[in-house]
């Protein structure tokens, strides 16, 4: 039963992830991404991580997707208004993508797996314990993520501003 449910959720996750990438309409792409997030939350429920599943739905499917939809609507993505990119720009984008992919691949290959796993005596499903761990041991990554979200939101607003040409 659980194996069948896992395969169904995995198929939904993969299908909606590919539809997110290959969809021509940005609104449809955002909706497919929400469906992908819900199926990932289903995986969390299968792992008996109810708190993580609920937070995932609230944060990703709620807040992040609303932010993305506002960004899409602010930018007014129309194909007619889009300028054609030069060949040099496209080649630079492919080279940049290749370099980033190479660095990530090299990092994953060189990473040493942790051979010994420590078992924790605390229940990390507890909100109290999770809050202590998040705001003590992982304070810097938590704050870095919040700064990253703030910078991306400011960048989206700046990109959406129309430049006035005097003349």
N, C-alpha and C. Protein backbone atom coordinates (compact mmCIF):
# COMPACT_ATOMS: atom_id res chain seq x y z
N UNK A 1 0.83 -1.19 0.00
CA UNK A 1 0.00 0.00 0.00
C UNK A 1 0.88 1.26 0.00
N UNK A 2 1.85 1.32 0.93
CA UNK A 2 2.72 2.49 1.03
C UNK A 2 3.62 2.61 -0.20
N UNK A 3 4.05 1.49 -0.71
CA UNK A 3 4.90 1.52 -1.91
C UNK A 3 4.13 2.06 -3.10
N UNK A 4 2.90 1.65 -3.25
CA UNK A 4 2.06 2.14 -4.34
C UNK A 4 1.82 3.64 -4.20
N UNK A 5 1.53 4.08 -2.99
CA UNK A 5 1.33 5.50 -2.74
C UNK A 5 2.60 6.30 -3.03
N UNK A 6 3.75 5.73 -2.66
CA UNK A 6 5.02 6.40 -2.95
C UNK A 6 5.22 6.56 -4.45
N UNK A 7 4.96 5.51 -5.21
CA UNK A 7 5.14 5.59 -6.66
C UNK A 7 4.16 6.57 -7.31
N UNK A 8 2.95 6.62 -6.80
CA UNK A 8 1.96 7.56 -7.34
C UNK A 8 2.40 9.00 -7.05
N UNK A 9 2.80 9.27 -5.80
CA UNK A 9 3.27 10.61 -5.44
C UNK A 9 4.54 10.98 -6.22
N UNK A 10 5.42 10.03 -6.42
CA UNK A 10 6.64 10.30 -7.18
C UNK A 10 6.32 10.63 -8.63
N UNK A 11 5.38 9.90 -9.22
CA UNK A 11 4.99 10.17 -10.61
C UNK A 11 4.35 11.56 -10.72
N UNK A 12 3.51 11.90 -9.76
CA UNK A 12 2.89 13.24 -9.77
C UNK A 12 3.95 14.32 -9.60
N UNK A 13 4.90 14.10 -8.70
CA UNK A 13 5.96 15.08 -8.48
C UNK A 13 6.79 15.29 -9.74
N UNK A 14 7.22 14.21 -10.36
CA UNK A 14 8.03 14.32 -11.57
C UNK A 14 7.25 14.94 -12.72
N UNK A 15 6.01 14.53 -12.89
CA UNK A 15 5.20 15.06 -13.99
C UNK A 15 4.96 16.56 -13.83
N UNK A 16 4.59 16.98 -12.63
CA UNK A 16 4.34 18.41 -12.44
C UNK A 16 5.62 19.23 -12.48
N UNK A 17 6.74 18.63 -12.08
CA UNK A 17 8.03 19.34 -12.17
C UNK A 17 8.39 19.58 -13.64
N UNK A 18 8.23 18.55 -14.48
CA UNK A 18 8.51 18.73 -15.90
C UNK A 18 7.51 19.69 -16.56
N UNK A 19 6.26 19.62 -16.16
CA UNK A 19 5.28 20.56 -16.71
C UNK A 19 5.59 21.99 -16.28
N UNK A 20 6.14 22.16 -15.07
CA UNK A 20 6.54 23.49 -14.61
C UNK A 20 7.63 24.06 -15.51
N UNK A 21 8.57 23.23 -15.87
CA UNK A 21 9.69 23.69 -16.69
C UNK A 21 9.27 23.94 -18.14
N UNK A 22 8.49 23.04 -18.71
CA UNK A 22 8.21 23.10 -20.13
C UNK A 22 6.93 23.84 -20.51
N UNK A 23 6.20 24.35 -19.53
CA UNK A 23 4.97 25.09 -19.83
C UNK A 23 5.31 26.45 -20.41
N UNK A 24 4.61 26.84 -21.46
CA UNK A 24 4.85 28.13 -22.11
C UNK A 24 4.23 29.29 -21.32
N UNK A 25 3.11 29.04 -20.68
CA UNK A 25 2.39 30.06 -19.93
C UNK A 25 2.95 30.12 -18.51
N UNK A 26 3.43 31.28 -18.05
CA UNK A 26 4.01 31.36 -16.71
C UNK A 26 3.01 31.09 -15.58
N UNK A 27 1.75 31.43 -15.79
CA UNK A 27 0.73 31.16 -14.76
C UNK A 27 0.50 29.65 -14.63
N UNK A 28 0.41 28.96 -15.76
CA UNK A 28 0.26 27.50 -15.72
C UNK A 28 1.47 26.86 -15.06
N UNK A 29 2.64 27.40 -15.35
CA UNK A 29 3.87 26.89 -14.74
C UNK A 29 3.82 27.04 -13.23
N UNK A 30 3.33 28.17 -12.74
CA UNK A 30 3.22 28.38 -11.29
C UNK A 30 2.21 27.42 -10.66
N UNK A 31 1.12 27.15 -11.36
CA UNK A 31 0.12 26.21 -10.83
C UNK A 31 0.69 24.80 -10.77
N UNK A 32 1.45 24.41 -11.80
CA UNK A 32 2.09 23.09 -11.77
C UNK A 32 3.10 23.00 -10.63
N UNK A 33 3.76 24.11 -10.34
CA UNK A 33 4.72 24.12 -9.23
C UNK A 33 4.00 23.94 -7.89
N UNK A 34 2.83 24.54 -7.74
CA UNK A 34 2.04 24.34 -6.52
C UNK A 34 1.65 22.88 -6.37
N UNK A 35 1.22 22.25 -7.45
CA UNK A 35 0.88 20.83 -7.40
C UNK A 35 2.10 19.98 -7.03
N UNK A 36 3.26 20.36 -7.55
CA UNK A 36 4.49 19.66 -7.20
C UNK A 36 4.79 19.80 -5.71
N UNK A 37 4.58 21.01 -5.17
CA UNK A 37 4.81 21.23 -3.75
C UNK A 37 3.87 20.39 -2.90
N UNK A 38 2.61 20.27 -3.32
CA UNK A 38 1.66 19.45 -2.57
C UNK A 38 2.05 17.97 -2.59
N UNK A 39 2.54 17.50 -3.72
CA UNK A 39 2.95 16.09 -3.77
C UNK A 39 4.20 15.86 -2.93
N UNK A 40 5.09 16.84 -2.85
CA UNK A 40 6.25 16.71 -1.97
C UNK A 40 5.80 16.70 -0.50
N UNK A 41 4.79 17.49 -0.19
CA UNK A 41 4.24 17.46 1.18
C UNK A 41 3.66 16.07 1.48
N UNK A 42 3.09 15.42 0.47
CA UNK A 42 2.62 14.05 0.65
C UNK A 42 3.76 13.10 0.99
N UNK A 43 4.92 13.32 0.39
CA UNK A 43 6.09 12.52 0.74
C UNK A 43 6.49 12.75 2.20
N UNK A 44 6.43 14.00 2.64
CA UNK A 44 6.74 14.29 4.04
C UNK A 44 5.77 13.58 4.97
N UNK A 45 4.51 13.54 4.59
CA UNK A 45 3.53 12.82 5.42
C UNK A 45 3.83 11.33 5.47
N UNK A 46 4.34 10.80 4.36
CA UNK A 46 4.71 9.38 4.37
C UNK A 46 5.89 9.11 5.29
N UNK A 47 6.76 10.11 5.48
CA UNK A 47 7.89 9.98 6.39
C UNK A 47 7.51 10.27 7.83
N UNK A 48 6.23 10.48 8.08
CA UNK A 48 5.71 10.79 9.41
C UNK A 48 6.26 12.11 9.94
N UNK A 49 6.41 13.07 9.04
CA UNK A 49 6.87 14.41 9.43
C UNK A 49 5.73 15.39 9.15
N UNK A 50 4.71 15.33 10.00
CA UNK A 50 3.52 16.14 9.78
C UNK A 50 3.81 17.63 9.89
N UNK A 51 4.63 18.01 10.86
CA UNK A 51 4.95 19.44 11.02
C UNK A 51 5.65 19.98 9.79
N UNK A 52 6.60 19.23 9.27
CA UNK A 52 7.33 19.65 8.08
C UNK A 52 6.41 19.73 6.88
N UNK A 53 5.47 18.82 6.75
CA UNK A 53 4.52 18.85 5.64
C UNK A 53 3.64 20.09 5.70
N UNK A 54 3.14 20.41 6.88
CA UNK A 54 2.28 21.60 7.02
C UNK A 54 3.07 22.88 6.77
N UNK A 55 4.29 22.96 7.30
CA UNK A 55 5.11 24.14 7.07
C UNK A 55 5.46 24.27 5.60
N UNK A 56 5.72 23.15 4.96
CA UNK A 56 6.02 23.15 3.52
C UNK A 56 4.84 23.70 2.73
N UNK A 57 3.65 23.27 3.06
CA UNK A 57 2.46 23.75 2.35
C UNK A 57 2.25 25.24 2.62
N UNK A 58 2.39 25.65 3.88
CA UNK A 58 2.16 27.06 4.21
C UNK A 58 3.21 27.95 3.56
N UNK A 59 4.48 27.59 3.70
CA UNK A 59 5.54 28.46 3.22
C UNK A 59 5.65 28.42 1.70
N UNK A 60 5.80 27.23 1.13
CA UNK A 60 6.04 27.15 -0.31
C UNK A 60 4.77 27.35 -1.11
N UNK A 61 3.76 26.54 -0.83
CA UNK A 61 2.56 26.63 -1.64
C UNK A 61 1.80 27.92 -1.37
N UNK A 62 1.97 28.47 -0.22
CA UNK A 62 1.28 29.71 0.10
C UNK A 62 2.11 30.93 -0.23
N UNK A 63 3.08 31.21 0.61
CA UNK A 63 3.81 32.48 0.52
C UNK A 63 4.69 32.59 -0.72
N UNK A 64 5.49 31.59 -0.99
CA UNK A 64 6.41 31.68 -2.12
C UNK A 64 5.66 31.74 -3.44
N UNK A 65 4.61 30.95 -3.59
CA UNK A 65 3.87 30.96 -4.85
C UNK A 65 3.12 32.27 -5.04
N UNK A 66 2.60 32.84 -3.97
CA UNK A 66 1.96 34.15 -4.10
C UNK A 66 2.99 35.18 -4.53
N UNK A 67 4.18 35.13 -3.94
CA UNK A 67 5.26 36.04 -4.33
C UNK A 67 5.62 35.85 -5.79
N UNK A 68 5.71 34.60 -6.24
CA UNK A 68 6.04 34.34 -7.65
C UNK A 68 4.95 34.84 -8.58
N UNK A 69 3.70 34.62 -8.21
CA UNK A 69 2.61 35.09 -9.08
C UNK A 69 2.58 36.61 -9.16
N UNK A 70 2.81 37.28 -8.03
CA UNK A 70 2.88 38.74 -8.08
C UNK A 70 4.04 39.20 -8.95
N UNK A 71 5.16 38.51 -8.86
CA UNK A 71 6.32 38.86 -9.68
C UNK A 71 6.01 38.67 -11.16
N UNK A 72 5.36 37.57 -11.50
CA UNK A 72 5.00 37.31 -12.89
C UNK A 72 4.04 38.38 -13.39
N UNK A 73 3.07 38.75 -12.56
CA UNK A 73 2.11 39.77 -12.99
C UNK A 73 2.76 41.15 -13.06
N UNK A 74 3.69 41.45 -12.14
CA UNK A 74 4.37 42.73 -12.18
C UNK A 74 5.26 42.87 -13.42
N UNK A 75 5.91 41.80 -13.79
CA UNK A 75 6.84 41.86 -14.92
C UNK A 75 6.13 41.89 -16.26
N UNK A 76 4.86 41.49 -16.29
CA UNK A 76 4.05 41.53 -17.51
C UNK A 76 4.78 40.85 -18.66
N UNK A 77 4.97 39.55 -18.50
CA UNK A 77 5.74 38.78 -19.48
C UNK A 77 4.93 38.54 -20.75
N UNK A 78 5.18 39.32 -21.74
CA UNK A 78 4.56 39.15 -23.04
C UNK A 78 5.65 38.85 -24.06
N UNK A 79 5.40 37.89 -24.92
CA UNK A 79 6.39 37.55 -25.93
C UNK A 79 6.57 38.67 -26.93
N UNK A 80 5.53 39.46 -27.18
CA UNK A 80 5.64 40.54 -28.15
C UNK A 80 6.59 41.63 -27.67
N UNK A 81 6.62 41.86 -26.36
CA UNK A 81 7.46 42.91 -25.80
C UNK A 81 8.90 42.46 -25.60
N UNK A 82 9.14 41.16 -25.63
CA UNK A 82 10.47 40.65 -25.34
C UNK A 82 11.41 40.89 -26.51
N UNK A 83 12.58 41.40 -26.18
CA UNK A 83 13.58 41.64 -27.20
C UNK A 83 14.29 40.33 -27.52
N UNK A 84 14.69 40.16 -28.78
CA UNK A 84 15.45 38.97 -29.16
C UNK A 84 16.85 39.07 -28.59
N UNK A 85 17.31 37.98 -28.03
CA UNK A 85 18.65 37.94 -27.46
C UNK A 85 19.65 37.66 -28.58
N UNK A 86 20.81 38.28 -28.48
CA UNK A 86 21.84 38.07 -29.49
C UNK A 86 22.47 36.69 -29.30
N UNK A 87 23.17 36.24 -30.33
CA UNK A 87 23.82 34.94 -30.28
C UNK A 87 24.89 34.92 -29.20
N UNK A 88 25.60 36.02 -29.04
CA UNK A 88 26.64 36.10 -28.03
C UNK A 88 26.05 35.96 -26.62
N UNK A 89 24.88 36.56 -26.39
CA UNK A 89 24.22 36.45 -25.09
C UNK A 89 23.81 35.01 -24.82
N UNK A 90 23.30 34.34 -25.83
CA UNK A 90 22.88 32.94 -25.66
C UNK A 90 24.08 32.04 -25.39
N UNK A 91 25.18 32.27 -26.10
CA UNK A 91 26.39 31.46 -25.88
C UNK A 91 26.93 31.71 -24.48
N UNK A 92 26.91 32.97 -24.02
CA UNK A 92 27.38 33.28 -22.67
C UNK A 92 26.51 32.60 -21.63
N UNK A 93 25.20 32.54 -21.87
CA UNK A 93 24.31 31.86 -20.92
C UNK A 93 24.59 30.37 -20.87
N UNK A 94 24.83 29.76 -22.02
CA UNK A 94 25.13 28.31 -22.06
C UNK A 94 26.46 28.04 -21.35
N UNK A 95 27.47 28.88 -21.59
CA UNK A 95 28.77 28.69 -20.94
C UNK A 95 28.64 28.87 -19.43
N UNK A 96 27.89 29.87 -18.98
CA UNK A 96 27.70 30.09 -17.55
C UNK A 96 26.97 28.91 -16.92
N UNK A 97 25.96 28.41 -17.59
CA UNK A 97 25.24 27.24 -17.09
C UNK A 97 26.17 26.04 -17.00
N UNK A 98 26.99 25.83 -18.02
CA UNK A 98 27.93 24.71 -18.02
C UNK A 98 28.93 24.80 -16.89
N UNK A 99 29.43 26.01 -16.63
CA UNK A 99 30.40 26.18 -15.54
C UNK A 99 29.76 25.92 -14.18
N UNK A 100 28.56 26.43 -13.97
CA UNK A 100 27.86 26.20 -12.70
C UNK A 100 27.56 24.71 -12.53
N UNK A 101 27.11 24.05 -13.60
CA UNK A 101 26.84 22.62 -13.53
C UNK A 101 28.11 21.83 -13.23
N UNK A 102 29.23 22.23 -13.84
CA UNK A 102 30.50 21.56 -13.59
C UNK A 102 30.94 21.72 -12.14
N UNK A 103 30.81 22.92 -11.60
CA UNK A 103 31.20 23.16 -10.21
C UNK A 103 30.32 22.34 -9.26
N UNK A 104 29.01 22.31 -9.52
CA UNK A 104 28.12 21.53 -8.67
C UNK A 104 28.43 20.03 -8.76
N UNK A 105 28.69 19.55 -9.96
CA UNK A 105 29.02 18.14 -10.15
C UNK A 105 30.32 17.80 -9.45
N UNK A 106 31.33 18.66 -9.58
CA UNK A 106 32.61 18.43 -8.91
C UNK A 106 32.44 18.44 -7.39
N UNK A 107 31.59 19.32 -6.89
CA UNK A 107 31.34 19.38 -5.45
C UNK A 107 30.70 18.09 -4.96
N UNK A 108 29.72 17.59 -5.70
CA UNK A 108 29.05 16.36 -5.28
C UNK A 108 29.98 15.16 -5.37
N UNK A 109 30.86 15.13 -6.37
CA UNK A 109 31.78 14.01 -6.52
C UNK A 109 32.83 14.02 -5.41
N UNK A 110 33.34 15.19 -5.07
CA UNK A 110 34.39 15.30 -4.06
C UNK A 110 33.87 15.25 -2.62
N UNK A 111 32.58 15.43 -2.43
CA UNK A 111 32.03 15.43 -1.08
C UNK A 111 32.19 14.05 -0.45
N UNK A 112 32.66 14.05 0.77
CA UNK A 112 32.85 12.80 1.49
C UNK A 112 31.59 12.47 2.28
N UNK A 113 31.04 11.29 2.07
CA UNK A 113 29.84 10.94 2.84
C UNK A 113 30.20 10.71 4.30
N UNK A 114 29.26 11.05 5.16
CA UNK A 114 29.46 10.83 6.59
C UNK A 114 29.24 9.35 6.86
N UNK A 115 30.27 8.69 7.34
CA UNK A 115 30.20 7.25 7.52
C UNK A 115 29.46 6.86 8.78
N UNK A 116 29.52 7.70 9.78
CA UNK A 116 28.91 7.38 11.06
C UNK A 116 27.78 8.35 11.35
N UNK A 117 26.60 7.84 11.52
CA UNK A 117 25.45 8.68 11.82
C UNK A 117 25.20 8.67 13.32
N UNK A 118 24.98 9.84 13.85
CA UNK A 118 24.68 9.96 15.26
C UNK A 118 23.17 9.96 15.43
N UNK A 119 22.70 9.22 16.40
CA UNK A 119 21.27 9.20 16.66
C UNK A 119 20.96 10.23 17.74
N UNK A 120 19.97 11.03 17.47
CA UNK A 120 19.58 12.06 18.42
C UNK A 120 18.57 11.50 19.39
N UNK A 121 18.68 11.92 20.64
CA UNK A 121 17.74 11.45 21.64
C UNK A 121 16.51 12.34 21.69
N UNK A 122 16.60 13.52 21.03
CA UNK A 122 15.48 14.45 21.08
C UNK A 122 14.53 14.19 19.91
N UNK A 123 13.28 14.48 20.12
CA UNK A 123 12.26 14.36 19.08
C UNK A 123 12.20 15.67 18.31
N UNK A 124 12.66 15.67 17.07
CA UNK A 124 12.68 16.90 16.29
C UNK A 124 11.33 17.23 15.68
N UNK A 125 10.31 16.43 15.96
CA UNK A 125 8.95 16.78 15.55
C UNK A 125 8.36 17.80 16.52
N UNK A 126 8.95 17.91 17.69
CA UNK A 126 8.47 18.87 18.68
C UNK A 126 8.81 20.29 18.20
N UNK A 127 7.83 21.17 18.25
CA UNK A 127 8.04 22.53 17.79
C UNK A 127 9.03 23.26 18.69
N UNK A 128 9.01 22.96 19.97
CA UNK A 128 9.93 23.60 20.92
C UNK A 128 11.38 23.23 20.59
N UNK A 129 11.64 21.96 20.38
CA UNK A 129 13.00 21.50 20.05
C UNK A 129 13.42 22.02 18.68
N UNK A 130 12.49 22.00 17.74
CA UNK A 130 12.79 22.49 16.39
C UNK A 130 13.12 23.97 16.41
N UNK A 131 12.39 24.75 17.18
CA UNK A 131 12.68 26.17 17.31
C UNK A 131 14.03 26.44 17.93
N UNK A 132 14.38 25.67 18.98
CA UNK A 132 15.70 25.83 19.61
C UNK A 132 16.82 25.51 18.62
N UNK A 133 16.68 24.43 17.89
CA UNK A 133 17.71 24.04 16.92
C UNK A 133 17.80 25.07 15.79
N UNK A 134 16.65 25.51 15.30
CA UNK A 134 16.64 26.44 14.17
C UNK A 134 17.21 27.79 14.55
N UNK A 135 16.91 28.29 15.73
CA UNK A 135 17.35 29.62 16.10
C UNK A 135 18.63 29.64 16.94
N UNK A 136 19.21 28.49 17.22
CA UNK A 136 20.51 28.44 17.90
C UNK A 136 21.59 27.91 16.97
N UNK A 137 21.48 26.65 16.58
CA UNK A 137 22.51 26.02 15.77
C UNK A 137 22.48 26.47 14.31
N UNK A 138 21.30 26.72 13.78
CA UNK A 138 21.17 27.06 12.36
C UNK A 138 20.70 28.50 12.17
N UNK A 139 21.14 29.39 13.04
CA UNK A 139 20.72 30.79 12.97
C UNK A 139 21.23 31.47 11.71
N UNK A 140 22.50 31.26 11.36
CA UNK A 140 23.09 31.93 10.20
C UNK A 140 22.42 31.47 8.89
N UNK A 141 22.24 30.17 8.64
CA UNK A 141 21.53 29.80 7.40
C UNK A 141 20.08 30.29 7.37
N UNK A 142 19.43 30.32 8.53
CA UNK A 142 18.05 30.80 8.60
C UNK A 142 17.98 32.27 8.22
N UNK A 143 18.88 33.07 8.76
CA UNK A 143 18.89 34.50 8.43
C UNK A 143 19.35 34.73 7.00
N UNK A 144 20.28 33.91 6.51
CA UNK A 144 20.74 34.03 5.12
C UNK A 144 19.59 33.77 4.15
N UNK A 145 18.77 32.78 4.46
CA UNK A 145 17.61 32.49 3.61
C UNK A 145 16.63 33.66 3.61
N UNK A 146 16.44 34.29 4.75
CA UNK A 146 15.51 35.43 4.80
C UNK A 146 16.07 36.61 4.01
N UNK A 147 17.37 36.84 4.08
CA UNK A 147 17.98 37.92 3.30
C UNK A 147 17.89 37.62 1.81
N UNK A 148 18.10 36.36 1.44
CA UNK A 148 18.00 35.97 0.03
C UNK A 148 16.59 36.21 -0.51
N UNK A 149 15.57 35.89 0.28
CA UNK A 149 14.20 36.14 -0.15
C UNK A 149 13.92 37.63 -0.27
N UNK A 150 14.43 38.42 0.64
CA UNK A 150 14.23 39.87 0.59
C UNK A 150 14.91 40.46 -0.64
N UNK A 151 16.13 40.04 -0.91
CA UNK A 151 16.86 40.55 -2.08
C UNK A 151 16.16 40.15 -3.38
N UNK A 152 15.65 38.92 -3.45
CA UNK A 152 14.95 38.49 -4.67
C UNK A 152 13.67 39.29 -4.87
N UNK A 153 12.98 39.62 -3.79
CA UNK A 153 11.75 40.41 -3.91
C UNK A 153 12.08 41.83 -4.37
N UNK A 154 13.13 42.42 -3.82
CA UNK A 154 13.53 43.76 -4.24
C UNK A 154 13.98 43.74 -5.70
N UNK A 155 14.71 42.71 -6.08
CA UNK A 155 15.15 42.58 -7.47
C UNK A 155 13.98 42.45 -8.43
N UNK A 156 12.96 41.71 -8.04
CA UNK A 156 11.78 41.57 -8.90
C UNK A 156 11.07 42.91 -9.08
N UNK A 157 10.98 43.68 -8.01
CA UNK A 157 10.34 45.00 -8.12
C UNK A 157 11.16 45.92 -9.00
N UNK A 158 12.48 45.90 -8.85
CA UNK A 158 13.33 46.75 -9.67
C UNK A 158 13.28 46.35 -11.14
N UNK A 159 13.19 45.05 -11.41
CA UNK A 159 13.08 44.60 -12.80
C UNK A 159 11.76 45.00 -13.43
N UNK A 160 10.72 45.08 -12.61
CA UNK A 160 9.41 45.38 -13.16
C UNK A 160 9.19 46.87 -13.41
N UNK A 161 10.05 47.72 -12.85
CA UNK A 161 9.90 49.14 -13.07
C UNK A 161 10.19 49.48 -14.52
N UNK A 162 9.38 50.31 -15.08
CA UNK A 162 9.55 50.72 -16.46
C UNK A 162 10.47 51.93 -16.50
N UNK A 163 11.41 51.91 -17.45
CA UNK A 163 12.31 53.04 -17.60
C UNK A 163 11.67 54.08 -18.49
N UNK A 164 11.71 55.32 -18.08
CA UNK A 164 11.16 56.41 -18.88
C UNK A 164 12.26 57.00 -19.75
N UNK A 165 11.98 57.09 -21.04
CA UNK A 165 12.95 57.64 -21.97
C UNK A 165 12.60 59.10 -22.20
N UNK A 166 13.52 59.97 -21.87
CA UNK A 166 13.29 61.40 -22.06
C UNK A 166 13.59 61.77 -23.52
N UNK A 167 12.73 62.49 -24.12
CA UNK A 167 13.04 62.91 -25.48
C UNK A 167 11.89 63.09 -26.34
